[in-house]
Protein backbone atom coordinates (compact mmCIF):
# COMPACT_ATOMS: atom_id res chain seq x y z
CA MET A 1 -4.17 10.14 5.08
CA LEU A 2 -3.13 10.55 1.43
CA ALA A 3 -4.04 13.68 -0.40
CA THR A 4 -6.47 12.99 -3.29
CA LYS A 5 -4.01 14.01 -6.00
CA LYS A 6 -1.30 11.79 -4.57
CA LYS A 7 -3.71 8.84 -4.21
CA GLN A 8 -4.87 9.33 -7.81
CA ALA A 9 -1.24 9.36 -9.03
CA VAL A 10 -0.57 6.11 -7.20
CA ILE A 11 -3.70 4.51 -8.68
CA LYS A 12 -2.82 5.69 -12.17
CA LYS A 13 0.69 4.24 -11.89
CA HIS A 14 -0.44 0.83 -10.77
CA GLN A 15 -3.84 0.26 -12.43
CA LYS A 16 -4.34 -2.63 -14.92
CA HIS A 17 -6.80 -0.78 -17.00
CA GLU A 18 -8.39 2.72 -17.16
CA LYS A 19 -11.18 2.08 -14.58
CA ASP A 20 -9.10 -0.14 -12.22
CA THR A 21 -9.25 1.45 -8.70
CA GLY A 22 -9.54 -1.61 -6.48
CA SER A 23 -7.41 -4.42 -7.72
CA SER A 24 -5.05 -5.93 -5.22
CA GLN A 25 -1.98 -4.33 -6.94
CA VAL A 26 -3.61 -0.89 -6.54
CA GLN A 27 -4.60 -1.48 -2.95
CA VAL A 28 -1.11 -2.72 -2.01
CA ALA A 29 0.39 0.44 -3.72
CA ILE A 30 -1.96 2.74 -1.78
CA LEU A 31 -1.38 0.96 1.53
CA SER A 32 2.36 1.13 0.98
CA THR A 33 2.22 4.84 0.29
CA GLN A 34 0.09 5.40 3.37
CA ILE A 35 2.41 3.23 5.46
CA ASP A 36 5.43 5.28 4.35
CA GLU A 37 3.69 8.54 5.25
CA LEU A 38 2.54 7.25 8.63
CA ALA A 39 6.00 5.87 9.45
CA LYS A 40 7.48 9.37 8.83
CA HIS A 41 4.79 10.83 11.14
CA LEU A 42 5.50 8.31 13.89
CA LYS A 43 9.22 9.03 13.72
CA LYS A 44 8.46 12.61 14.62
CA HIS A 45 5.62 11.85 17.14
CA LYS A 46 6.86 8.87 19.10
CA LYS A 47 4.05 8.73 21.62
CA ASP A 48 1.19 8.68 19.07
CA ASN A 49 0.00 5.21 19.88
CA HIS A 50 -3.37 5.59 18.19
CA SER A 51 -1.69 6.21 14.83
CA ARG A 52 0.75 3.32 15.59
CA ARG A 53 -2.19 0.95 15.92
CA GLY A 54 -3.52 2.18 12.50
CA LEU A 55 -0.06 1.58 11.06
CA ILE A 56 0.01 -2.00 12.38
CA LYS A 57 -3.50 -2.59 10.85
CA MET A 58 -2.36 -1.26 7.54
CA VAL A 59 0.74 -3.46 7.42
CA ALA A 60 -1.40 -6.56 8.20
CA ASP A 61 -3.88 -5.52 5.48
CA ARG A 62 -1.12 -5.18 2.94
CA ARG A 63 0.34 -8.51 3.91
CA THR A 64 -3.11 -10.11 3.40
CA HIS A 65 -3.33 -8.60 -0.10
CA LEU A 66 0.15 -9.74 -0.93
CA LYS A 67 -0.62 -13.33 0.24
CA TYR A 68 -3.68 -13.24 -1.97
CA LEU A 69 -1.73 -12.06 -4.95
CA MET A 70 0.97 -14.69 -4.33
CA ARG A 71 -1.71 -17.38 -4.42
CA LYS A 72 -3.67 -16.09 -7.38
CA ASP A 73 -1.13 -14.36 -9.69
CA LYS A 74 2.54 -14.90 -8.95
CA ALA A 75 3.63 -12.70 -11.82
CA ALA A 76 1.56 -9.76 -10.51
CA TYR A 77 2.96 -10.44 -7.09
CA ASP A 78 6.57 -10.31 -8.35
CA GLU A 79 5.77 -7.17 -10.35
CA ILE A 80 4.26 -5.18 -7.38
CA MET A 81 7.03 -6.29 -5.07
CA LYS A 82 9.60 -4.96 -7.56
CA LYS A 83 7.75 -1.73 -8.22
CA MET A 84 7.16 -0.88 -4.53
CA GLU A 85 10.64 -2.15 -3.47
CA LEU A 86 9.14 -4.31 -0.76
CA ALA A 87 11.52 -7.22 -1.05
């Protein structure tokens, strides 16, 4: 899990307007940060299969948000892919 301050920093960096906490861009950024942290954990704890399942679910959720963004707003999709260095 992300620490509150780190999560707020990610939200602030990717939000569209001041009160934006749930747009697809913000959710992709949060999920990407969580995925990175969990991947580091799993490199250390190779037999933690419960966390591995959570990682797989997060990756699938992020992929779903990215597909939605690609369909609805290609410019926002390109921007978030570039910012998060996903492609």
